[in-house]
Amino acid sequence: MKFTNIIITCLCFFSLNVYANEEIDKLTLPILESIHKGEINNLFSMAYPKGSPTRKYFSDSDVEQYNTKFQGSFQALGKSSGYFEYLHSEIPSVLVLKYYVIKFDIEPVIVKFILYKQNDKWRINAFELDDALDDYLEKSAKSRLGDLSHQDIREEIKANKSLKQDK
């Protein structure tokens, strides 16, 4: 009997999680597809449609300004050759953070979504463009170099890789 209850609980949790992911994808994927296709005129309006709880905090001139800002930023990057989800972090049924990497002619960029579920419906709470991917990689590399001073890392390197040396 206990085993059956555990299975039922797991199935319920899995179905709720899948439903939440589908609901979130319905909000984020149309924006990513528009960027990929080069249809970048109204991205801010897509993220915060009229009638959405977040949109009421922006005036019409703010919306127009942000639409123009996003359009200019994406135009400067050239054509998109694809995108993928890089990071997903969440507080289940409350807050989801998603980072997508979009590859462009000029350089890759990160598009960040924060999605919030106050009551019964997910909404985009933040939508941002971040072109500092190379800066993040550099910071990560410096951190990794600092890790080389630790004995366990040096032993791991010694065990897994042989150094090429000129003789």
C-alpha atoms as a PDB file:
ATOM      1  CA  MET A   1       0.000   0.000   0.000  1.00  0.00           C
ATOM      2  CA  LYS A   2       2.810   2.446   0.874  1.00  0.00           C
ATOM      3  CA  PHE A   3       4.541   1.690  -2.421  1.00  0.00           C
ATOM      4  CA  THR A   4       1.338   2.502  -4.354  1.00  0.00           C
ATOM      5  CA  ASN A   5       1.014   5.843  -2.522  1.00  0.00           C
ATOM      6  CA  ILE A   6       4.615   6.712  -3.368  1.00  0.00           C
ATOM      7  CA  ILE A   7       4.056   5.874  -7.046  1.00  0.00           C
ATOM      8  CA  ILE A   8       0.858   7.937  -7.190  1.00  0.00           C
ATOM      9  CA  THR A   9       2.583  10.898  -5.489  1.00  0.00           C
ATOM     10  CA  CYS A  10       5.495  10.722  -7.943  1.00  0.00           C
ATOM     11  CA  LEU A  11       3.157  10.556 -10.936  1.00  0.00           C
ATOM     12  CA  CYS A  12       1.159  13.551  -9.704  1.00  0.00           C
ATOM     13  CA  PHE A  13       4.323  15.582  -9.139  1.00  0.00           C
ATOM     14  CA  PHE A  14       5.642  14.613 -12.594  1.00  0.00           C
ATOM     15  CA  SER A  15       2.376  15.576 -14.320  1.00  0.00           C
ATOM     16  CA  LEU A  16       2.221  18.935 -12.511  1.00  0.00           C
ATOM     17  CA  ASN A  17       5.835  19.663 -13.452  1.00  0.00           C
ATOM     18  CA  VAL A  18       5.246  18.758 -17.125  1.00  0.00           C
ATOM     19  CA  TYR A  19       2.144  20.970 -17.181  1.00  0.00           C
ATOM     20  CA  ALA A  20       4.115  23.876 -15.659  1.00  0.00           C
ATOM     21  CA  ASN A  21       6.870  23.457 -18.259  1.00  0.00           C
ATOM     22  CA  GLU A  22       4.317  23.473 -21.096  1.00  0.00           C
ATOM     23  CA  GLU A  23       2.690  26.597 -19.663  1.00  0.00           C
ATOM     24  CA  ILE A  24       6.072  28.325 -19.383  1.00  0.00           C
ATOM     25  CA  ASP A  25       7.102  27.246 -22.896  1.00  0.00           C
ATOM     26  CA  LYS A  26       3.905  28.831 -24.268  1.00  0.00           C
ATOM     27  CA  LEU A  27       5.158  32.142 -22.869  1.00  0.00           C
ATOM     28  CA  THR A  28       8.850  31.973 -23.779  1.00  0.00           C
ATOM     29  CA  LEU A  29       9.145  29.948 -26.997  1.00  0.00           C
ATOM     30  CA  PRO A  30       7.095  32.316 -29.226  1.00  0.00           C
ATOM     31  CA  ILE A  31       9.469  35.135 -28.259  1.00  0.00           C
ATOM     32  CA  LEU A  32      12.540  33.007 -28.992  1.00  0.00           C
ATOM     33  CA  GLU A  33      11.078  31.870 -32.317  1.00  0.00           C
ATOM     34  CA  SER A  34      10.360  35.483 -33.296  1.00  0.00           C
ATOM     35  CA  ILE A  35      13.951  36.439 -32.511  1.00  0.00           C
ATOM     36  CA  HIS A  36      15.234  33.455 -34.484  1.00  0.00           C
ATOM     37  CA  LYS A  37      13.075  34.399 -37.491  1.00  0.00           C
ATOM     38  CA  GLY A  38      14.159  38.046 -37.295  1.00  0.00           C
ATOM     39  CA  GLU A  39      10.673  39.241 -36.342  1.00  0.00           C
ATOM     40  CA  ILE A  40      11.904  41.607 -33.638  1.00  0.00           C
ATOM     41  CA  ASN A  41       9.539  44.580 -33.858  1.00  0.00           C
ATOM     42  CA  ASN A  42       7.421  43.974 -30.759  1.00  0.00           C
ATOM     43  CA  LEU A  43       9.356  41.682 -28.442  1.00  0.00           C
ATOM     44  CA  PHE A  44       8.620  43.648 -25.293  1.00  0.00           C
ATOM     45  CA  SER A  45       4.918  43.680 -26.170  1.00  0.00           C
ATOM     46  CA  MET A  46       5.052  39.915 -26.675  1.00  0.00           C
ATOM     47  CA  ALA A  47       6.618  39.411 -23.244  1.00  0.00           C
ATOM     48  CA  TYR A  48       4.147  41.762 -21.574  1.00  0.00           C
ATOM     49  CA  PRO A  49       0.900  41.725 -23.567  1.00  0.00           C
ATOM     50  CA  LYS A  50      -1.899  44.174 -22.856  1.00  0.00           C
ATOM     51  CA  GLY A  51      -3.911  43.029 -19.885  1.00  0.00           C
ATOM     52  CA  SER A  52      -1.006  41.195 -18.248  1.00  0.00           C
ATOM     53  CA  PRO A  53      -0.347  42.112 -14.590  1.00  0.00           C
ATOM     54  CA  THR A  54       3.167  43.386 -15.346  1.00  0.00           C
ATOM     55  CA  ARG A  55       2.158  45.515 -18.352  1.00  0.00           C
ATOM     56  CA  LYS A  56       0.052  47.860 -16.219  1.00  0.00           C
ATOM     57  CA  TYR A  57       3.284  49.249 -14.737  1.00  0.00           C
ATOM     58  CA  PHE A  58       4.457  50.522 -18.139  1.00  0.00           C
ATOM     59  CA  SER A  59       3.059  53.460 -20.052  1.00  0.00           C
ATOM     60  CA  ASP A  60       2.448  53.186 -23.800  1.00  0.00           C
ATOM     61  CA  SER A  61       5.545  55.308 -24.434  1.00  0.00           C
ATOM     62  CA  ASP A  62       7.613  52.971 -22.197  1.00  0.00           C
ATOM     63  CA  VAL A  63       6.404  49.965 -24.189  1.00  0.00           C
ATOM     64  CA  GLU A  64       7.247  51.674 -27.478  1.00  0.00           C
ATOM     65  CA  GLN A  65      10.689  52.634 -26.159  1.00  0.00           C
ATOM     66  CA  TYR A  66      11.471  49.082 -24.976  1.00  0.00           C
ATOM     67  CA  ASN A  67      10.211  47.548 -28.235  1.00  0.00           C
ATOM     68  CA  THR A  68      12.572  49.889 -30.121  1.00  0.00           C
ATOM     69  CA  LYS A  69      15.450  49.133 -27.748  1.00  0.00           C
ATOM     70  CA  PHE A  70      15.116  45.352 -28.179  1.00  0.00           C
ATOM     71  CA  GLN A  71      14.719  45.720 -31.935  1.00  0.00           C
ATOM     72  CA  GLY A  72      17.898  47.805 -32.193  1.00  0.00           C
ATOM     73  CA  SER A  73      19.867  45.402 -30.008  1.00  0.00           C
ATOM     74  CA  PHE A  74      18.896  42.336 -32.015  1.00  0.00           C
ATOM     75  CA  GLN A  75      19.375  44.064 -35.395  1.00  0.00           C
ATOM     76  CA  ALA A  76      22.954  44.907 -34.425  1.00  0.00           C
ATOM     77  CA  LEU A  77      23.712  41.205 -33.892  1.00  0.00           C
ATOM     78  CA  GLY A  78      22.831  40.027 -37.382  1.00  0.00           C
ATOM     79  CA  LYS A  79      20.936  36.868 -38.250  1.00  0.00           C
ATOM     80  CA  SER A  80      20.156  34.136 -35.718  1.00  0.00           C
ATOM     81  CA  SER A  81      21.385  30.622 -36.446  1.00  0.00           C
ATOM     82  CA  GLY A  82      19.596  28.971 -33.522  1.00  0.00           C
ATOM     83  CA  TYR A  83      19.015  28.938 -29.798  1.00  0.00           C
ATOM     84  CA  PHE A  84      19.018  26.526 -26.892  1.00  0.00           C
ATOM     85  CA  GLU A  85      18.112  26.510 -23.217  1.00  0.00           C
ATOM     86  CA  TYR A  86      21.277  26.828 -21.173  1.00  0.00           C
ATOM     87  CA  LEU A  87      20.068  27.047 -17.581  1.00  0.00           C
ATOM     88  CA  HIS A  88      16.828  26.361 -15.746  1.00  0.00           C
ATOM     89  CA  SER A  89      16.454  27.055 -12.041  1.00  0.00           C
ATOM     90  CA  GLU A  90      13.266  27.212 -10.043  1.00  0.00           C
ATOM     91  CA  ILE A  91      11.309  27.407  -6.863  1.00  0.00           C
ATOM     92  CA  PRO A  92       8.578  24.942  -7.886  1.00  0.00           C
ATOM     93  CA  SER A  93       5.179  26.496  -8.599  1.00  0.00           C
ATOM     94  CA  VAL A  94       6.433  29.999  -7.698  1.00  0.00           C
ATOM     95  CA  LEU A  95       9.431  31.256  -9.688  1.00  0.00           C
ATOM     96  CA  VAL A  96      11.380  29.989 -12.686  1.00  0.00           C
ATOM     97  CA  LEU A  97      14.608  31.415 -14.101  1.00  0.00           C
ATOM     98  CA  LYS A  98      15.534  30.401 -17.651  1.00  0.00           C
ATOM     99  CA  TYR A  99      18.613  31.380 -19.625  1.00  0.00           C
ATOM    100  CA  TYR A 100      18.672  30.764 -23.367  1.00  0.00           C
ATOM    101  CA  VAL A 101      21.714  31.208 -25.591  1.00  0.00           C
ATOM    102  CA  ILE A 102      20.938  32.568 -29.041  1.00  0.00           C
ATOM    103  CA  LYS A 103      23.643  32.310 -31.690  1.00  0.00           C
ATOM    104  CA  PHE A 104      23.954  35.315 -34.014  1.00  0.00           C
ATOM    105  CA  ASP A 105      26.313  36.345 -36.825  1.00  0.00           C
ATOM    106  CA  ILE A 106      28.197  38.775 -34.581  1.00  0.00           C
ATOM    107  CA  GLU A 107      28.195  36.961 -31.227  1.00  0.00           C
ATOM    108  CA  PRO A 108      26.020  34.781 -29.017  1.00  0.00           C
ATOM    109  CA  VAL A 109      23.739  36.422 -26.463  1.00  0.00           C
ATOM    110  CA  ILE A 110      21.817  35.281 -23.437  1.00  0.00           C
ATOM    111  CA  VAL A 111      18.110  35.930 -23.161  1.00  0.00           C
ATOM    112  CA  LYS A 112      16.935  35.692 -19.578  1.00  0.00           C
ATOM    113  CA  PHE A 113      13.364  35.046 -18.510  1.00  0.00           C
ATOM    114  CA  ILE A 114      12.067  35.134 -14.981  1.00  0.00           C
ATOM    115  CA  LEU A 115       8.594  33.659 -14.732  1.00  0.00           C
ATOM    116  CA  TYR A 116       6.365  34.095 -11.724  1.00  0.00           C
ATOM    117  CA  LYS A 117       3.218  32.304 -10.637  1.00  0.00           C
ATOM    118  CA  GLN A 118       1.385  34.406  -8.083  1.00  0.00           C
ATOM    119  CA  ASN A 119      -1.885  32.491  -8.011  1.00  0.00           C
ATOM    120  CA  ASP A 120      -2.903  30.093 -10.747  1.00  0.00           C
ATOM    121  CA  LYS A 121      -1.179  31.375 -13.886  1.00  0.00           C
ATOM    122  CA  TRP A 122       2.446  31.807 -14.973  1.00  0.00           C
ATOM    123  CA  ARG A 123       3.567  35.173 -16.342  1.00  0.00           C
ATOM    124  CA  ILE A 124       6.830  36.693 -17.516  1.00  0.00           C
ATOM    125  CA  ASN A 125       8.157  38.828 -14.702  1.00  0.00           C
ATOM    126  CA  ALA A 126      11.455  39.794 -16.361  1.00  0.00           C
ATOM    127  CA  PHE A 127      12.765  39.587 -19.924  1.00  0.00           C
ATOM    128  CA  GLU A 128      16.351  40.710 -20.556  1.00  0.00           C
ATOM    129  CA  LEU A 129      19.068  40.552 -23.184  1.00  0.00           C
ATOM    130  CA  ASP A 130      22.615  39.962 -21.966  1.00  0.00           C
ATOM    131  CA  ASP A 131      25.543  40.118 -24.386  1.00  0.00           C
ATOM    132  CA  ALA A 132      28.248  39.489 -21.770  1.00  0.00           C
ATOM    133  CA  LEU A 133      28.540  35.726 -22.341  1.00  0.00           C
ATOM    134  CA  ASP A 134      32.262  36.005 -23.075  1.00  0.00           C
ATOM    135  CA  ASP A 135      32.740  37.915 -19.793  1.00  0.00           C
ATOM    136  CA  TYR A 136      31.052  35.102 -17.858  1.00  0.00           C
ATOM    137  CA  LEU A 137      33.267  32.515 -19.522  1.00  0.00           C
ATOM    138  CA  GLU A 138      36.363  34.543 -18.682  1.00  0.00           C
ATOM    139  CA  LYS A 139      35.332  34.831 -15.004  1.00  0.00           C
ATOM    140  CA  SER A 140      34.643  31.103 -14.939  1.00  0.00           C
ATOM    141  CA  ALA A 141      38.047  30.370 -16.466  1.00  0.00           C
ATOM    142  CA  LYS A 142      39.793  32.576 -13.869  1.00  0.00           C
ATOM    143  CA  SER A 143      37.936  30.790 -11.109  1.00  0.00           C
ATOM    144  CA  ARG A 144      38.961  27.435 -12.573  1.00  0.00           C
ATOM    145  CA  LEU A 145      42.584  28.594 -12.728  1.00  0.00           C
ATOM    146  CA  GLY A 146      42.379  29.482  -9.040  1.00  0.00           C
ATOM    147  CA  ASP A 147      41.092  25.977  -8.341  1.00  0.00           C
ATOM    148  CA  LEU A 148      44.326  24.582  -9.763  1.00  0.00           C
ATOM    149  CA  SER A 149      46.035  25.516  -6.502  1.00  0.00           C
ATOM    150  CA  HIS A 150      44.001  22.910  -4.619  1.00  0.00           C
ATOM    151  CA  GLN A 151      45.699  19.557  -4.119  1.00  0.00           C
ATOM    152  CA  ASP A 152      42.655  17.483  -5.130  1.00  0.00           C
ATOM    153  CA  ILE A 153      42.384  19.304  -8.471  1.00  0.00           C
ATOM    154  CA  ARG A 154      46.103  18.834  -9.180  1.00  0.00           C
ATOM    155  CA  GLU A 155      45.779  15.123  -8.411  1.00  0.00           C
ATOM    156  CA  GLU A 156      42.734  14.841 -10.700  1.00  0.00           C
ATOM    157  CA  ILE A 157      44.618  16.525 -13.549  1.00  0.00           C
ATOM    158  CA  LYS A 158      47.625  14.272 -12.983  1.00  0.00           C
ATOM    159  CA  ALA A 159      45.416  11.145 -13.042  1.00  0.00           C
ATOM    160  CA  ASN A 160      43.394  12.128 -16.125  1.00  0.00           C
ATOM    161  CA  LYS A 161      45.803  13.963 -18.382  1.00  0.00           C
ATOM    162  CA  SER A 162      49.386  13.634 -19.316  1.00  0.00           C
ATOM    163  CA  LEU A 163      51.248  16.872 -19.951  1.00  0.00           C
ATOM    164  CA  LYS A 164      52.843  17.350 -23.342  1.00  0.00           C
ATOM    165  CA  GLN A 165      56.383  18.477 -22.906  1.00  0.00           C
ATOM    166  CA  ASP A 166      59.060  19.331 -25.398  1.00  0.00           C
ATOM    167  CA  LYS A 167      62.122  17.121 -25.095  1.00  0.00           C
END
